[in-house]
PDB file of N, CA and C in Angstrom:
ATOM      1  N   UNK A   1     -11.698 -89.537   6.737  1.00  0.00           N
ATOM      2  CA  UNK A   1     -11.127 -90.757   6.179  1.00  0.00           C
ATOM      3  C   UNK A   1     -11.903 -91.215   4.944  1.00  0.00           C
ATOM      4  N   UNK A   2     -13.219 -91.071   4.978  1.00  0.00           N
ATOM      5  CA  UNK A   2     -14.034 -91.485   3.843  1.00  0.00           C
ATOM      6  C   UNK A   2     -13.685 -90.684   2.602  1.00  0.00           C
ATOM      7  N   UNK A   3     -13.436 -89.386   2.751  1.00  0.00           N
ATOM      8  CA  UNK A   3     -13.077 -88.530   1.621  1.00  0.00           C
ATOM      9  C   UNK A   3     -11.758 -88.985   1.011  1.00  0.00           C
ATOM     10  N   UNK A   4     -10.804 -89.366   1.848  1.00  0.00           N
ATOM     11  CA  UNK A   4      -9.513 -89.858   1.365  1.00  0.00           C
ATOM     12  C   UNK A   4      -9.698 -91.109   0.518  1.00  0.00           C
ATOM     13  N   UNK A   5     -10.502 -92.032   1.004  1.00  0.00           N
ATOM     14  CA  UNK A   5     -10.744 -93.276   0.264  1.00  0.00           C
ATOM     15  C   UNK A   5     -11.426 -92.981  -1.071  1.00  0.00           C
ATOM     16  N   UNK A   6     -12.381 -92.063  -1.076  1.00  0.00           N
ATOM     17  CA  UNK A   6     -13.070 -91.705  -2.315  1.00  0.00           C
ATOM     18  C   UNK A   6     -12.104 -91.083  -3.323  1.00  0.00           C
ATOM     19  N   UNK A   7     -11.219 -90.219  -2.835  1.00  0.00           N
ATOM     20  CA  UNK A   7     -10.254 -89.589  -3.735  1.00  0.00           C
ATOM     21  C   UNK A   7      -9.304 -90.625  -4.332  1.00  0.00           C
ATOM     22  N   UNK A   8      -8.822 -91.528  -3.520  1.00  0.00           N
ATOM     23  CA  UNK A   8      -7.887 -92.547  -4.010  1.00  0.00           C
ATOM     24  C   UNK A   8      -8.590 -93.551  -4.922  1.00  0.00           C
ATOM     25  N   UNK A   9      -9.857 -93.830  -4.662  1.00  0.00           N
ATOM     26  CA  UNK A   9     -10.603 -94.780  -5.490  1.00  0.00           C
ATOM     27  C   UNK A   9     -10.839 -94.246  -6.897  1.00  0.00           C
ATOM     28  N   UNK A  10     -10.736 -92.940  -7.061  1.00  0.00           N
ATOM     29  CA  UNK A  10     -10.936 -92.336  -8.378  1.00  0.00           C
ATOM     30  C   UNK A  10      -9.760 -92.594  -9.317  1.00  0.00           C
ATOM     31  N   UNK A  11      -8.620 -93.008  -8.786  1.00  0.00           N
ATOM     32  CA  UNK A  11      -7.447 -93.308  -9.612  1.00  0.00           C
ATOM     33  C   UNK A  11      -7.614 -94.716 -10.168  1.00  0.00           C
ATOM     34  N   UNK A  12      -7.584 -94.839 -11.477  1.00  0.00           N
ATOM     35  CA  UNK A  12      -7.799 -96.130 -12.144  1.00  0.00           C
ATOM     36  C   UNK A  12      -6.577 -96.527 -12.961  1.00  0.00           C
ATOM     37  N   UNK A  13      -6.366 -97.830 -13.049  1.00  0.00           N
ATOM     38  CA  UNK A  13      -5.323 -98.399 -13.887  1.00  0.00           C
ATOM     39  C   UNK A  13      -5.999 -99.338 -14.877  1.00  0.00           C
ATOM     40  N   UNK A  14      -5.695 -99.177 -16.162  1.00  0.00           N
ATOM     41  CA  UNK A  14      -6.336 -99.966 -17.206  1.00  0.00           C
ATOM     42  C   UNK A  14      -5.260-100.587 -18.086  1.00  0.00           C
ATOM     43  N   UNK A  15      -5.430-101.858 -18.425  1.00  0.00           N
ATOM     44  CA  UNK A  15      -4.550-102.509 -19.388  1.00  0.00           C
ATOM     45  C   UNK A  15      -5.230-102.494 -20.749  1.00  0.00           C
ATOM     46  N   UNK A  16      -4.545-101.937 -21.748  1.00  0.00           N
ATOM     47  CA  UNK A  16      -5.048-101.883 -23.114  1.00  0.00           C
ATOM     48  C   UNK A  16      -4.325-102.967 -23.899  1.00  0.00           C
ATOM     49  N   UNK A  17      -5.091-103.832 -24.546  1.00  0.00           N
ATOM     50  CA  UNK A  17      -4.503-104.934 -25.315  1.00  0.00           C
ATOM     51  C   UNK A  17      -4.706-104.646 -26.800  1.00  0.00           C
ATOM     52  N   UNK A  18      -3.591-104.582 -27.532  1.00  0.00           N
ATOM     53  CA  UNK A  18      -3.623-104.278 -28.955  1.00  0.00           C
ATOM     54  C   UNK A  18      -3.078-105.487 -29.720  1.00  0.00           C
ATOM     55  N   UNK A  19      -3.876-106.055 -30.640  1.00  0.00           N
ATOM     56  CA  UNK A  19      -3.349-107.168 -31.438  1.00  0.00           C
ATOM     57  C   UNK A  19      -2.280-106.662 -32.411  1.00  0.00           C
ATOM     58  N   UNK A  20      -1.191-107.403 -32.509  1.00  0.00           N
ATOM     59  CA  UNK A  20      -0.066-107.004 -33.363  1.00  0.00           C
ATOM     60  C   UNK A  20       0.323-108.202 -34.221  1.00  0.00           C
ATOM     61  N   UNK A  21       0.607-107.942 -35.492  1.00  0.00           N
ATOM     62  CA  UNK A  21       1.087-109.002 -36.385  1.00  0.00           C
ATOM     63  C   UNK A  21       2.439-108.579 -36.921  1.00  0.00           C
ATOM     64  N   UNK A  22       3.440-109.392 -36.636  1.00  0.00           N
ATOM     65  CA  UNK A  22       4.792-109.162 -37.154  1.00  0.00           C
ATOM     66  C   UNK A  22       5.135-110.340 -38.055  1.00  0.00           C
ATOM     67  N   UNK A  23       5.267-110.041 -39.337  1.00  0.00           N
ATOM     68  CA  UNK A  23       5.474-111.083 -40.343  1.00  0.00           C
ATOM     69  C   UNK A  23       4.311-112.070 -40.247  1.00  0.00           C
ATOM     70  N   UNK A  24       4.567-113.302 -39.910  1.00  0.00           N
ATOM     71  CA  UNK A  24       3.510-114.317 -39.798  1.00  0.00           C
ATOM     72  C   UNK A  24       3.122-114.594 -38.349  1.00  0.00           C
ATOM     73  N   UNK A  25       3.696-113.844 -37.417  1.00  0.00           N
ATOM     74  CA  UNK A  25       3.457-114.103 -36.002  1.00  0.00           C
ATOM     75  C   UNK A  25       2.447-113.093 -35.452  1.00  0.00           C
ATOM     76  N   UNK A  26       1.338-113.614 -34.920  1.00  0.00           N
ATOM     77  CA  UNK A  26       0.332-112.759 -34.283  1.00  0.00           C
ATOM     78  C   UNK A  26       0.568-112.774 -32.778  1.00  0.00           C
ATOM     79  N   UNK A  27       0.552-111.615 -32.168  1.00  0.00           N
ATOM     80  CA  UNK A  27       0.775-111.496 -30.736  1.00  0.00           C
ATOM     81  C   UNK A  27      -0.049-110.319 -30.203  1.00  0.00           C
ATOM     82  N   UNK A  28       0.086-110.056 -28.935  1.00  0.00           N
ATOM     83  CA  UNK A  28      -0.608-108.936 -28.314  1.00  0.00           C
ATOM     84  C   UNK A  28       0.385-107.983 -27.685  1.00  0.00           C
ATOM     85  N   UNK A  29       0.103-106.705 -27.786  1.00  0.00           N
ATOM     86  CA  UNK A  29       0.873-105.683 -27.103  1.00  0.00           C
ATOM     87  C   UNK A  29       0.008-105.195 -25.960  1.00  0.00           C
ATOM     88  N   UNK A  30       0.514-105.296 -24.737  1.00  0.00           N
ATOM     89  CA  UNK A  30      -0.239-104.874 -23.557  1.00  0.00           C
ATOM     90  C   UNK A  30       0.364-103.590 -23.010  1.00  0.00           C
ATOM     91  N   UNK A  31      -0.483-102.582 -22.876  1.00  0.00           N
ATOM     92  CA  UNK A  31      -0.043-101.289 -22.368  1.00  0.00           C
ATOM     93  C   UNK A  31      -0.854-100.942 -21.123  1.00  0.00           C
ATOM     94  N   UNK A  32      -0.189-100.461 -20.092  1.00  0.00           N
ATOM     95  CA  UNK A  32      -0.877-100.035 -18.870  1.00  0.00           C
ATOM     96  C   UNK A  32      -1.002 -98.521 -18.875  1.00  0.00           C
ATOM     97  N   UNK A  33      -2.203 -98.055 -18.601  1.00  0.00           N
ATOM     98  CA  UNK A  33      -2.497 -96.630 -18.564  1.00  0.00           C
ATOM     99  C   UNK A  33      -3.093 -96.307 -17.196  1.00  0.00           C
ATOM    100  N   UNK A  34      -2.615 -95.238 -16.558  1.00  0.00           N
ATOM    101  CA  UNK A  34      -3.122 -94.802 -15.254  1.00  0.00           C
ATOM    102  C   UNK A  34      -3.758 -93.433 -15.437  1.00  0.00           C
ATOM    103  N   UNK A  35      -4.971 -93.267 -14.878  1.00  0.00           N
ATOM    104  CA  UNK A  35      -5.675 -91.989 -15.015  1.00  0.00           C
ATOM    105  C   UNK A  35      -4.935 -90.879 -14.280  1.00  0.00           C
ATOM    106  N   UNK A  36      -5.202 -89.655 -14.706  1.00  0.00           N
ATOM    107  CA  UNK A  36      -4.638 -88.480 -14.051  1.00  0.00           C
ATOM    108  C   UNK A  36      -5.542 -88.103 -12.878  1.00  0.00           C
ATOM    109  N   UNK A  37      -4.993 -87.998 -11.673  1.00  0.00           N
ATOM    110  CA  UNK A  37      -5.831 -87.674 -10.517  1.00  0.00           C
ATOM    111  C   UNK A  37      -6.297 -86.222 -10.528  1.00  0.00           C
ATOM    112  N   UNK A  38      -7.369 -85.953  -9.801  1.00  0.00           N
ATOM    113  CA  UNK A  38      -7.846 -84.590  -9.615  1.00  0.00           C
ATOM    114  C   UNK A  38      -6.743 -83.784  -8.911  1.00  0.00           C
ATOM    115  N   UNK A  39      -6.726 -82.471  -9.069  1.00  0.00           N
ATOM    116  CA  UNK A  39      -5.661 -81.666  -8.454  1.00  0.00           C
ATOM    117  C   UNK A  39      -5.515 -81.871  -6.941  1.00  0.00           C
ATOM    118  N   UNK A  40      -6.624 -81.979  -6.216  1.00  0.00           N
ATOM    119  CA  UNK A  40      -6.537 -82.183  -4.761  1.00  0.00           C
ATOM    120  C   UNK A  40      -5.900 -83.534  -4.439  1.00  0.00           C
ATOM    121  N   UNK A  41      -6.244 -84.555  -5.216  1.00  0.00           N
ATOM    122  CA  UNK A  41      -5.670 -85.888  -5.004  1.00  0.00           C
ATOM    123  C   UNK A  41      -4.187 -85.883  -5.362  1.00  0.00           C
ATOM    124  N   UNK A  42      -3.825 -85.192  -6.447  1.00  0.00           N
ATOM    125  CA  UNK A  42      -2.422 -85.094  -6.840  1.00  0.00           C
ATOM    126  C   UNK A  42      -1.606 -84.397  -5.761  1.00  0.00           C
ATOM    127  N   UNK A  43      -2.182 -83.373  -5.149  1.00  0.00           N
ATOM    128  CA  UNK A  43      -1.487 -82.663  -4.068  1.00  0.00           C
ATOM    129  C   UNK A  43      -1.309 -83.579  -2.856  1.00  0.00           C
ATOM    130  N   UNK A  44      -2.333 -84.360  -2.535  1.00  0.00           N
ATOM    131  CA  UNK A  44      -2.241 -85.314  -1.424  1.00  0.00           C
ATOM    132  C   UNK A  44      -1.146 -86.343  -1.687  1.00  0.00           C
ATOM    133  N   UNK A  45      -1.105 -86.881  -2.906  1.00  0.00           N
ATOM    134  CA  UNK A  45      -0.065 -87.852  -3.264  1.00  0.00           C
ATOM    135  C   UNK A  45       1.322 -87.225  -3.147  1.00  0.00           C
ATOM    136  N   UNK A  46       1.456 -85.976  -3.546  1.00  0.00           N
ATOM    137  CA  UNK A  46       2.746 -85.284  -3.450  1.00  0.00           C
ATOM    138  C   UNK A  46       3.168 -85.132  -1.992  1.00  0.00           C
ATOM    139  N   UNK A  47       2.226 -84.793  -1.117  1.00  0.00           N
ATOM    140  CA  UNK A  47       2.548 -84.670   0.315  1.00  0.00           C
ATOM    141  C   UNK A  47       2.972 -86.010   0.907  1.00  0.00           C
ATOM    142  N   UNK A  48       2.390 -87.096   0.385  1.00  0.00           N
ATOM    143  CA  UNK A  48       2.741 -88.442   0.859  1.00  0.00           C
ATOM    144  C   UNK A  48       3.984 -88.986   0.154  1.00  0.00           C
ATOM    145  N   UNK A  49       4.528 -88.184  -0.784  1.00  0.00           N
ATOM    146  CA  UNK A  49       5.692 -88.573  -1.585  1.00  0.00           C
ATOM    147  C   UNK A  49       5.436 -89.850  -2.386  1.00  0.00           C
ATOM    148  N   UNK A  50       4.221 -89.931  -2.931  1.00  0.00           N
ATOM    149  CA  UNK A  50       3.838 -91.044  -3.795  1.00  0.00           C
ATOM    150  C   UNK A  50       3.704 -90.528  -5.220  1.00  0.00           C
ATOM    151  N   UNK A  51       4.210 -91.297  -6.179  1.00  0.00           N
ATOM    152  CA  UNK A  51       4.124 -90.898  -7.575  1.00  0.00           C
ATOM    153  C   UNK A  51       3.417 -91.971  -8.374  1.00  0.00           C
ATOM    154  N   UNK A  52       2.523 -91.548  -9.243  1.00  0.00           N
ATOM    155  CA  UNK A  52       1.862 -92.467 -10.167  1.00  0.00           C
ATOM    156  C   UNK A  52       2.701 -92.570 -11.432  1.00  0.00           C
ATOM    157  N   UNK A  53       2.641 -93.722 -12.113  1.00  0.00           N
ATOM    158  CA  UNK A  53       3.363 -93.828 -13.383  1.00  0.00           C
ATOM    159  C   UNK A  53       2.830 -92.813 -14.382  1.00  0.00           C
ATOM    160  N   UNK A  54       3.716 -92.263 -15.195  1.00  0.00           N
ATOM    161  CA  UNK A  54       3.304 -91.305 -16.228  1.00  0.00           C
ATOM    162  C   UNK A  54       3.342 -91.989 -17.581  1.00  0.00           C
ATOM    163  N   UNK A  55       2.403 -91.631 -18.434  1.00  0.00           N
ATOM    164  CA  UNK A  55       2.351 -92.201 -19.775  1.00  0.00           C
ATOM    165  C   UNK A  55       1.948 -93.665 -19.736  1.00  0.00           C
ATOM    166  N   UNK A  56       2.207 -94.347 -20.823  1.00  0.00           N
ATOM    167  CA  UNK A  56       1.902 -95.773 -20.906  1.00  0.00           C
ATOM    168  C   UNK A  56       3.192 -96.556 -20.774  1.00  0.00           C
ATOM    169  N   UNK A  57       3.050 -97.796 -20.367  1.00  0.00           N
ATOM    170  CA  UNK A  57       4.232 -98.659 -20.337  1.00  0.00           C
ATOM    171  C   UNK A  57       3.821-100.052 -20.764  1.00  0.00           C
ATOM    172  N   UNK A  58       4.754-100.734 -21.408  1.00  0.00           N
ATOM    173  CA  UNK A  58       4.474-102.076 -21.902  1.00  0.00           C
ATOM    174  C   UNK A  58       4.528-103.064 -20.746  1.00  0.00           C
ATOM    175  N   UNK A  59       3.560-103.963 -20.728  1.00  0.00           N
ATOM    176  CA  UNK A  59       3.464-104.984 -19.693  1.00  0.00           C
ATOM    177  C   UNK A  59       3.792-106.334 -20.330  1.00  0.00           C
ATOM    178  N   UNK A  60       4.674-107.079 -19.716  1.00  0.00           N
ATOM    179  CA  UNK A  60       5.013-108.400 -20.242  1.00  0.00           C
ATOM    180  C   UNK A  60       4.847-109.444 -19.147  1.00  0.00           C
ATOM    181  N   UNK A  61       4.837-110.678 -19.560  1.00  0.00           N
ATOM    182  CA  UNK A  61       4.712-111.817 -18.642  1.00  0.00           C
ATOM    183  C   UNK A  61       3.409-111.748 -17.845  1.00  0.00           C
ATOM    184  N   UNK A  62       2.307-111.539 -18.554  1.00  0.00           N
ATOM    185  CA  UNK A  62       0.999-111.457 -17.921  1.00  0.00           C
ATOM    186  C   UNK A  62       0.313-112.809 -18.046  1.00  0.00           C
ATOM    187  N   UNK A  63      -0.214-113.294 -16.951  1.00  0.00           N
ATOM    188  CA  UNK A  63      -0.954-114.551 -16.970  1.00  0.00           C
ATOM    189  C   UNK A  63      -2.377-114.250 -17.431  1.00  0.00           C
ATOM    190  N   UNK A  64      -2.873-114.965 -18.449  1.00  0.00           N
ATOM    191  CA  UNK A  64      -4.219-114.683 -18.933  1.00  0.00           C
ATOM    192  C   UNK A  64      -5.276-114.971 -17.870  1.00  0.00           C
ATOM    193  N   UNK A  65      -6.350-114.187 -17.892  1.00  0.00           N
ATOM    194  CA  UNK A  65      -7.443-114.365 -16.955  1.00  0.00           C
ATOM    195  C   UNK A  65      -8.231-115.617 -17.325  1.00  0.00           C
ATOM    196  N   UNK A  66      -8.530-116.428 -16.344  1.00  0.00           N
ATOM    197  CA  UNK A  66      -9.275-117.664 -16.568  1.00  0.00           C
ATOM    198  C   UNK A  66     -10.748-117.374 -16.322  1.00  0.00           C
ATOM    199  N   UNK A  67     -11.565-117.607 -17.331  1.00  0.00           N
ATOM    200  CA  UNK A  67     -12.999-117.393 -17.175  1.00  0.00           C
ATOM    201  C   UNK A  67     -13.717-118.734 -17.108  1.00  0.00           C
ATOM    202  N   UNK A  68     -14.696-118.846 -16.228  1.00  0.00           N
ATOM    203  CA  UNK A  68     -15.394-120.136 -16.092  1.00  0.00           C
ATOM    204  C   UNK A  68     -16.239-120.467 -17.290  1.00  0.00           C
TER     205      UNK A  68
END
């Protein structure tokens, strides 16, 4: 069980924030990126019929993180 948890913990999801300026409007483009799992982990996910997102995708309606 510990090995399973370690393999799954290696999969990371990261939000990349890119500042964008369109005409006079400044905004942010948020993209979510998911790491590619090791082959053994990918095989385990396939057996469980679980799929990770491929490529990047735009994220909208994100609540900003509140820092103290």
